Amino acid sequence: MRLSSRGRRHLHYGEAVVHRIDPIIICPPGVPMAVATMTYGDTTSACFRVDRALPNADSLPLLWRQALTDLADTTP
């Protein structure tokens, strides 16, 4: 059994160690937007599902990334 730097077990797929997990989601009918985040190890991934009928729907992931960048820039 291999442990991560935090003392937790790594996930495996067969003999292969899992290094990253990305969420996959759907938007049920009538739900205009869904966001899922998942943290594994030192990585957090986000999945956006947006109904293109929403105004400026294509800009939401970019705005989210910019907000993270702004937050990181203010962190000492």
PDB file of N, CA and C in Angstrom:
ATOM      1  N   MET A   1       0.841  -1.174   0.000  1.00  0.00           N
ATOM      2  CA  MET A   1       0.000   0.000   0.000  1.00  0.00           C
ATOM      3  C   MET A   1       0.888   1.240   0.000  1.00  0.00           C
ATOM      4  N   ARG A   2       0.613   2.147  -0.910  1.00  0.00           N
ATOM      5  CA  ARG A   2       1.362   3.401  -0.981  1.00  0.00           C
ATOM      6  C   ARG A   2       0.550   4.505  -0.320  1.00  0.00           C
ATOM      7  N   LEU A   3       1.234   5.385   0.364  1.00  0.00           N
ATOM      8  CA  LEU A   3       0.574   6.496   1.029  1.00  0.00           C
ATOM      9  C   LEU A   3       1.002   7.804   0.384  1.00  0.00           C
ATOM     10  N   SER A   4       0.097   8.750   0.365  1.00  0.00           N
ATOM     11  CA  SER A   4       0.426  10.077  -0.149  1.00  0.00           C
ATOM     12  C   SER A   4       1.244  10.828   0.887  1.00  0.00           C
ATOM     13  N   SER A   5       1.665  12.037   0.531  1.00  0.00           N
ATOM     14  CA  SER A   5       2.444  12.849   1.467  1.00  0.00           C
ATOM     15  C   SER A   5       1.629  13.220   2.702  1.00  0.00           C
ATOM     16  N   ARG A   6       0.326  13.137   2.592  1.00  0.00           N
ATOM     17  CA  ARG A   6      -0.539  13.445   3.736  1.00  0.00           C
ATOM     18  C   ARG A   6      -0.887  12.191   4.534  1.00  0.00           C
ATOM     19  N   GLY A   7      -0.309  11.049   4.171  1.00  0.00           N
ATOM     20  CA  GLY A   7      -0.572   9.827   4.899  1.00  0.00           C
ATOM     21  C   GLY A   7      -1.816   9.086   4.448  1.00  0.00           C
ATOM     22  N   ARG A   8      -2.436   9.535   3.366  1.00  0.00           N
ATOM     23  CA  ARG A   8      -3.633   8.868   2.852  1.00  0.00           C
ATOM     24  C   ARG A   8      -3.254   7.884   1.754  1.00  0.00           C
ATOM     25  N   ARG A   9      -4.092   6.906   1.551  1.00  0.00           N
ATOM     26  CA  ARG A   9      -3.857   5.933   0.492  1.00  0.00           C
ATOM     27  C   ARG A   9      -4.149   6.530  -0.881  1.00  0.00           C
ATOM     28  N   HIS A  10      -3.323   6.182  -1.855  1.00  0.00           N
ATOM     29  CA  HIS A  10      -3.587   6.565  -3.244  1.00  0.00           C
ATOM     30  C   HIS A  10      -4.624   5.623  -3.830  1.00  0.00           C
ATOM     31  N   LEU A  11      -5.479   6.137  -4.688  1.00  0.00           N
ATOM     32  CA  LEU A  11      -6.394   5.281  -5.431  1.00  0.00           C
ATOM     33  C   LEU A  11      -5.624   4.568  -6.524  1.00  0.00           C
ATOM     34  N   HIS A  12      -6.103   3.394  -6.897  1.00  0.00           N
ATOM     35  CA  HIS A  12      -5.496   2.623  -7.976  1.00  0.00           C
ATOM     36  C   HIS A  12      -6.576   2.166  -8.950  1.00  0.00           C
ATOM     37  N   TYR A  13      -6.185   2.033 -10.196  1.00  0.00           N
ATOM     38  CA  TYR A  13      -7.017   1.392 -11.211  1.00  0.00           C
ATOM     39  C   TYR A  13      -6.183   0.230 -11.717  1.00  0.00           C
ATOM     40  N   GLY A  14      -6.486  -0.954 -11.238  1.00  0.00           N
ATOM     41  CA  GLY A  14      -5.604  -2.081 -11.502  1.00  0.00           C
ATOM     42  C   GLY A  14      -4.293  -1.825 -10.782  1.00  0.00           C
ATOM     43  N   GLU A  15      -3.200  -1.896 -11.506  1.00  0.00           N
ATOM     44  CA  GLU A  15      -1.876  -1.627 -10.941  1.00  0.00           C
ATOM     45  C   GLU A  15      -1.486  -0.154 -11.027  1.00  0.00           C
ATOM     46  N   ALA A  16      -2.240   0.643 -11.804  1.00  0.00           N
ATOM     47  CA  ALA A  16      -1.890   2.046 -12.044  1.00  0.00           C
ATOM     48  C   ALA A  16      -2.358   2.932 -10.889  1.00  0.00           C
ATOM     49  N   VAL A  17      -1.492   3.832 -10.457  1.00  0.00           N
ATOM     50  CA  VAL A  17      -1.846   4.808  -9.427  1.00  0.00           C
ATOM     51  C   VAL A  17      -2.630   5.939 -10.081  1.00  0.00           C
ATOM     52  N   VAL A  18      -3.710   6.348  -9.446  1.00  0.00           N
ATOM     53  CA  VAL A  18      -4.517   7.462  -9.938  1.00  0.00           C
ATOM     54  C   VAL A  18      -3.856   8.758  -9.481  1.00  0.00           C
ATOM     55  N   HIS A  19      -3.582   9.655 -10.446  1.00  0.00           N
ATOM     56  CA  HIS A  19      -2.939  10.930 -10.130  1.00  0.00           C
ATOM     57  C   HIS A  19      -3.919  12.101 -10.181  1.00  0.00           C
ATOM     58  N   ARG A  20      -5.031  11.929 -10.901  1.00  0.00           N
ATOM     59  CA  ARG A  20      -5.980  13.023 -11.054  1.00  0.00           C
ATOM     60  C   ARG A  20      -7.371  12.450 -11.287  1.00  0.00           C
ATOM     61  N   ILE A  21      -8.363  13.129 -10.749  1.00  0.00           N
ATOM     62  CA  ILE A  21      -9.757  12.757 -10.967  1.00  0.00           C
ATOM     63  C   ILE A  21     -10.497  14.009 -11.419  1.00  0.00           C
ATOM     64  N   ASP A  22     -11.225  13.902 -12.516  1.00  0.00           N
ATOM     65  CA  ASP A  22     -12.024  15.016 -13.016  1.00  0.00           C
ATOM     66  C   ASP A  22     -13.498  14.664 -12.907  1.00  0.00           C
ATOM     67  N   PRO A  23     -14.312  15.578 -12.376  1.00  0.00           N
ATOM     68  CA  PRO A  23     -15.744  15.307 -12.274  1.00  0.00           C
ATOM     69  C   PRO A  23     -16.415  15.373 -13.641  1.00  0.00           C
ATOM     70  N   ILE A  24     -17.443  14.587 -13.806  1.00  0.00           N
ATOM     71  CA  ILE A  24     -18.272  14.611 -15.014  1.00  0.00           C
ATOM     72  C   ILE A  24     -19.716  14.742 -14.531  1.00  0.00           C
ATOM     73  N   ILE A  25     -20.435  15.727 -15.073  1.00  0.00           N
ATOM     74  CA  ILE A  25     -21.801  15.969 -14.619  1.00  0.00           C
ATOM     75  C   ILE A  25     -22.714  16.198 -15.812  1.00  0.00           C
ATOM     76  N   ILE A  26     -24.002  16.172 -15.547  1.00  0.00           N
ATOM     77  CA  ILE A  26     -25.007  16.510 -16.546  1.00  0.00           C
ATOM     78  C   ILE A  26     -25.938  17.555 -15.946  1.00  0.00           C
ATOM     79  N   CYS A  27     -26.636  18.248 -16.804  1.00  0.00           N
ATOM     80  CA  CYS A  27     -27.696  19.147 -16.356  1.00  0.00           C
ATOM     81  C   CYS A  27     -29.026  18.489 -16.702  1.00  0.00           C
ATOM     82  N   PRO A  28     -29.818  18.155 -15.706  1.00  0.00           N
ATOM     83  CA  PRO A  28     -31.137  17.610 -16.007  1.00  0.00           C
ATOM     84  C   PRO A  28     -32.006  18.663 -16.683  1.00  0.00           C
ATOM     85  N   PRO A  29     -33.052  18.254 -17.369  1.00  0.00           N
ATOM     86  CA  PRO A  29     -33.954  19.229 -17.995  1.00  0.00           C
ATOM     87  C   PRO A  29     -34.444  20.252 -16.968  1.00  0.00           C
ATOM     88  N   GLY A  30     -34.431  21.510 -17.365  1.00  0.00           N
ATOM     89  CA  GLY A  30     -34.893  22.582 -16.500  1.00  0.00           C
ATOM     90  C   GLY A  30     -33.828  23.163 -15.586  1.00  0.00           C
ATOM     91  N   VAL A  31     -32.631  22.579 -15.583  1.00  0.00           N
ATOM     92  CA  VAL A  31     -31.535  23.103 -14.764  1.00  0.00           C
ATOM     93  C   VAL A  31     -30.572  23.835 -15.693  1.00  0.00           C
ATOM     94  N   PRO A  32     -30.476  25.150 -15.598  1.00  0.00           N
ATOM     95  CA  PRO A  32     -29.675  25.909 -16.559  1.00  0.00           C
ATOM     96  C   PRO A  32     -28.166  25.808 -16.370  1.00  0.00           C
ATOM     97  N   MET A  33     -27.723  25.462 -15.155  1.00  0.00           N
ATOM     98  CA  MET A  33     -26.286  25.410 -14.926  1.00  0.00           C
ATOM     99  C   MET A  33     -25.969  24.493 -13.750  1.00  0.00           C
ATOM    100  N   ALA A  34     -24.859  23.789 -13.872  1.00  0.00           N
ATOM    101  CA  ALA A  34     -24.371  22.962 -12.769  1.00  0.00           C
ATOM    102  C   ALA A  34     -22.850  23.062 -12.752  1.00  0.00           C
ATOM    103  N   VAL A  35     -22.295  23.069 -11.570  1.00  0.00           N
ATOM    104  CA  VAL A  35     -20.839  23.092 -11.390  1.00  0.00           C
ATOM    105  C   VAL A  35     -20.495  22.037 -10.348  1.00  0.00           C
ATOM    106  N   ALA A  36     -19.496  21.226 -10.658  1.00  0.00           N
ATOM    107  CA  ALA A  36     -19.015  20.235  -9.694  1.00  0.00           C
ATOM    108  C   ALA A  36     -17.516  20.416  -9.539  1.00  0.00           C
ATOM    109  N   THR A  37     -17.046  20.361  -8.317  1.00  0.00           N
ATOM    110  CA  THR A  37     -15.612  20.401  -8.060  1.00  0.00           C
ATOM    111  C   THR A  37     -15.215  19.139  -7.313  1.00  0.00           C
ATOM    112  N   MET A  38     -13.993  18.724  -7.542  1.00  0.00           N
ATOM    113  CA  MET A  38     -13.473  17.548  -6.861  1.00  0.00           C
ATOM    114  C   MET A  38     -12.011  17.796  -6.541  1.00  0.00           C
ATOM    115  N   THR A  39     -11.624  17.490  -5.321  1.00  0.00           N
ATOM    116  CA  THR A  39     -10.235  17.612  -4.913  1.00  0.00           C
ATOM    117  C   THR A  39      -9.672  16.226  -4.671  1.00  0.00           C
ATOM    118  N   TYR A  40      -8.514  15.976  -5.270  1.00  0.00           N
ATOM    119  CA  TYR A  40      -7.795  14.724  -5.058  1.00  0.00           C
ATOM    120  C   TYR A  40      -6.320  15.066  -4.984  1.00  0.00           C
ATOM    121  N   GLY A  41      -5.699  14.724  -3.889  1.00  0.00           N
ATOM    122  CA  GLY A  41      -4.295  15.096  -3.715  1.00  0.00           C
ATOM    123  C   GLY A  41      -4.183  16.604  -3.600  1.00  0.00           C
ATOM    124  N   ASP A  42      -3.317  17.188  -4.410  1.00  0.00           N
ATOM    125  CA  ASP A  42      -3.102  18.630  -4.392  1.00  0.00           C
ATOM    126  C   ASP A  42      -3.824  19.343  -5.524  1.00  0.00           C
ATOM    127  N   THR A  43      -4.735  18.652  -6.211  1.00  0.00           N
ATOM    128  CA  THR A  43      -5.402  19.219  -7.381  1.00  0.00           C
ATOM    129  C   THR A  43      -6.906  19.292  -7.163  1.00  0.00           C
ATOM    130  N   THR A  44      -7.486  20.439  -7.500  1.00  0.00           N
ATOM    131  CA  THR A  44      -8.933  20.588  -7.517  1.00  0.00           C
ATOM    132  C   THR A  44      -9.351  20.835  -8.963  1.00  0.00           C
ATOM    133  N   SER A  45     -10.302  20.044  -9.439  1.00  0.00           N
ATOM    134  CA  SER A  45     -10.809  20.172 -10.802  1.00  0.00           C
ATOM    135  C   SER A  45     -12.253  20.642 -10.742  1.00  0.00           C
ATOM    136  N   ALA A  46     -12.683  21.364 -11.764  1.00  0.00           N
ATOM    137  CA  ALA A  46     -14.063  21.838 -11.845  1.00  0.00           C
ATOM    138  C   ALA A  46     -14.645  21.468 -13.199  1.00  0.00           C
ATOM    139  N   CYS A  47     -15.914  21.118 -13.185  1.00  0.00           N
ATOM    140  CA  CYS A  47     -16.636  20.810 -14.412  1.00  0.00           C
ATOM    141  C   CYS A  47     -17.854  21.727 -14.474  1.00  0.00           C
ATOM    142  N   PHE A  48     -18.015  22.426 -15.585  1.00  0.00           N
ATOM    143  CA  PHE A  48     -19.148  23.315 -15.791  1.00  0.00           C
ATOM    144  C   PHE A  48     -20.050  22.726 -16.870  1.00  0.00           C
ATOM    145  N   ARG A  49     -21.351  22.708 -16.613  1.00  0.00           N
ATOM    146  CA  ARG A  49     -22.351  22.378 -17.630  1.00  0.00           C
ATOM    147  C   ARG A  49     -23.309  23.555 -17.631  1.00  0.00           C
ATOM    148  N   VAL A  50     -23.372  24.255 -18.756  1.00  0.00           N
ATOM    149  CA  VAL A  50     -24.157  25.482 -18.833  1.00  0.00           C
ATOM    150  C   VAL A  50     -25.051  25.429 -20.064  1.00  0.00           C
ATOM    151  N   ASP A  51     -26.313  25.764 -19.876  1.00  0.00           N
ATOM    152  CA  ASP A  51     -27.249  25.882 -20.989  1.00  0.00           C
ATOM    153  C   ASP A  51     -26.853  27.109 -21.798  1.00  0.00           C
ATOM    154  N   ARG A  52     -26.554  26.918 -23.056  1.00  0.00           N
ATOM    155  CA  ARG A  52     -26.105  28.037 -23.903  1.00  0.00           C
ATOM    156  C   ARG A  52     -27.166  29.124 -24.063  1.00  0.00           C
ATOM    157  N   ALA A  53     -28.394  28.834 -23.669  1.00  0.00           N
ATOM    158  CA  ALA A  53     -29.443  29.851 -23.731  1.00  0.00           C
ATOM    159  C   ALA A  53     -29.273  30.918 -22.652  1.00  0.00           C
ATOM    160  N   LEU A  54     -28.472  30.645 -21.629  1.00  0.00           N
ATOM    161  CA  LEU A  54     -28.222  31.647 -20.586  1.00  0.00           C
ATOM    162  C   LEU A  54     -27.393  32.786 -21.161  1.00  0.00           C
ATOM    163  N   PRO A  55     -27.732  34.012 -20.831  1.00  0.00           N
ATOM    164  CA  PRO A  55     -26.918  35.133 -21.302  1.00  0.00           C
ATOM    165  C   PRO A  55     -25.474  35.006 -20.813  1.00  0.00           C
ATOM    166  N   ASN A  56     -24.517  35.185 -21.715  1.00  0.00           N
ATOM    167  CA  ASN A  56     -23.086  35.131 -21.403  1.00  0.00           C
ATOM    168  C   ASN A  56     -22.641  33.788 -20.825  1.00  0.00           C
ATOM    169  N   ALA A  57     -23.341  32.729 -21.172  1.00  0.00           N
ATOM    170  CA  ALA A  57     -23.026  31.403 -20.621  1.00  0.00           C
ATOM    171  C   ALA A  57     -21.584  30.991 -20.906  1.00  0.00           C
ATOM    172  N   ASP A  58     -21.083  31.298 -22.081  1.00  0.00           N
ATOM    173  CA  ASP A  58     -19.724  30.887 -22.440  1.00  0.00           C
ATOM    174  C   ASP A  58     -18.655  31.571 -21.602  1.00  0.00           C
ATOM    175  N   SER A  59     -18.988  32.690 -20.960  1.00  0.00           N
ATOM    176  CA  SER A  59     -17.988  33.431 -20.194  1.00  0.00           C
ATOM    177  C   SER A  59     -17.834  32.926 -18.756  1.00  0.00           C
ATOM    178  N   LEU A  60     -18.749  32.102 -18.273  1.00  0.00           N
ATOM    179  CA  LEU A  60     -18.698  31.693 -16.865  1.00  0.00           C
ATOM    180  C   LEU A  60     -17.419  30.950 -16.480  1.00  0.00           C
ATOM    181  N   PRO A  61     -16.969  29.933 -17.231  1.00  0.00           N
ATOM    182  CA  PRO A  61     -15.707  29.275 -16.829  1.00  0.00           C
ATOM    183  C   PRO A  61     -14.510  30.228 -16.823  1.00  0.00           C
ATOM    184  N   LEU A  62     -14.434  31.122 -17.797  1.00  0.00           N
ATOM    185  CA  LEU A  62     -13.331  32.083 -17.835  1.00  0.00           C
ATOM    186  C   LEU A  62     -13.396  33.033 -16.642  1.00  0.00           C
ATOM    187  N   LEU A  63     -14.582  33.488 -16.290  1.00  0.00           N
ATOM    188  CA  LEU A  63     -14.734  34.363 -15.127  1.00  0.00           C
ATOM    189  C   LEU A  63     -14.340  33.639 -13.840  1.00  0.00           C
ATOM    190  N   TRP A  64     -14.686  32.357 -13.732  1.00  0.00           N
ATOM    191  CA  TRP A  64     -14.309  31.552 -12.576  1.00  0.00           C
ATOM    192  C   TRP A  64     -12.788  31.441 -12.480  1.00  0.00           C
ATOM    193  N   ARG A  65     -12.143  31.157 -13.609  1.00  0.00           N
ATOM    194  CA  ARG A  65     -10.680  31.042 -13.621  1.00  0.00           C
ATOM    195  C   ARG A  65     -10.038  32.375 -13.245  1.00  0.00           C
ATOM    196  N   GLN A  66     -10.572  33.482 -13.753  1.00  0.00           N
ATOM    197  CA  GLN A  66     -10.025  34.795 -13.424  1.00  0.00           C
ATOM    198  C   GLN A  66     -10.187  35.095 -11.934  1.00  0.00           C
ATOM    199  N   ALA A  67     -11.320  34.706 -11.365  1.00  0.00           N
ATOM    200  CA  ALA A  67     -11.525  34.923  -9.920  1.00  0.00           C
ATOM    201  C   ALA A  67     -10.504  34.122  -9.110  1.00  0.00           C
ATOM    202  N   LEU A  68     -10.203  32.901  -9.528  1.00  0.00           N
ATOM    203  CA  LEU A  68      -9.166  32.109  -8.842  1.00  0.00           C
ATOM    204  C   LEU A  68      -7.800  32.752  -8.963  1.00  0.00           C
ATOM    205  N   THR A  69      -7.493  33.269 -10.152  1.00  0.00           N
ATOM    206  CA  THR A  69      -6.216  33.946 -10.360  1.00  0.00           C
ATOM    207  C   THR A  69      -6.107  35.173  -9.468  1.00  0.00           C
ATOM    208  N   ASP A  70      -7.184  35.957  -9.417  1.00  0.00           N
ATOM    209  CA  ASP A  70      -7.207  37.152  -8.560  1.00  0.00           C
ATOM    210  C   ASP A  70      -7.023  36.774  -7.095  1.00  0.00           C
ATOM    211  N   LEU A  71      -7.669  35.703  -6.669  1.00  0.00           N
ATOM    212  CA  LEU A  71      -7.546  35.249  -5.298  1.00  0.00           C
ATOM    213  C   LEU A  71      -6.117  34.808  -4.990  1.00  0.00           C
ATOM    214  N   ALA A  72      -5.509  34.072  -5.910  1.00  0.00           N
ATOM    215  CA  ALA A  72      -4.135  33.614  -5.710  1.00  0.00           C
ATOM    216  C   ALA A  72      -3.164  34.796  -5.652  1.00  0.00           C
ATOM    217  N   ASP A  73      -3.440  35.830  -6.446  1.00  0.00           N
ATOM    218  CA  ASP A  73      -2.569  37.011  -6.443  1.00  0.00           C
ATOM    219  C   ASP A  73      -2.615  37.782  -5.133  1.00  0.00           C
ATOM    220  N   THR A  74      -3.704  37.632  -4.374  1.00  0.00           N
ATOM    221  CA  THR A  74      -3.828  38.382  -3.118  1.00  0.00           C
ATOM    222  C   THR A  74      -3.395  37.548  -1.911  1.00  0.00           C
ATOM    223  N   THR A  75      -3.090  36.282  -2.130  1.00  0.00           N
ATOM    224  CA  THR A  75      -2.681  35.402  -1.042  1.00  0.00           C
ATOM    225  C   THR A  75      -1.201  35.586  -0.753  1.00  0.00           C
ATOM    226  N   PRO A  76      -0.854  35.848   0.512  1.00  0.00           N
ATOM    227  CA  PRO A  76       0.565  36.069   0.835  1.00  0.00           C
ATOM    228  C   PRO A  76       1.411  34.820   0.646  1.00  0.00           C
TER     229      PRO A  76
END
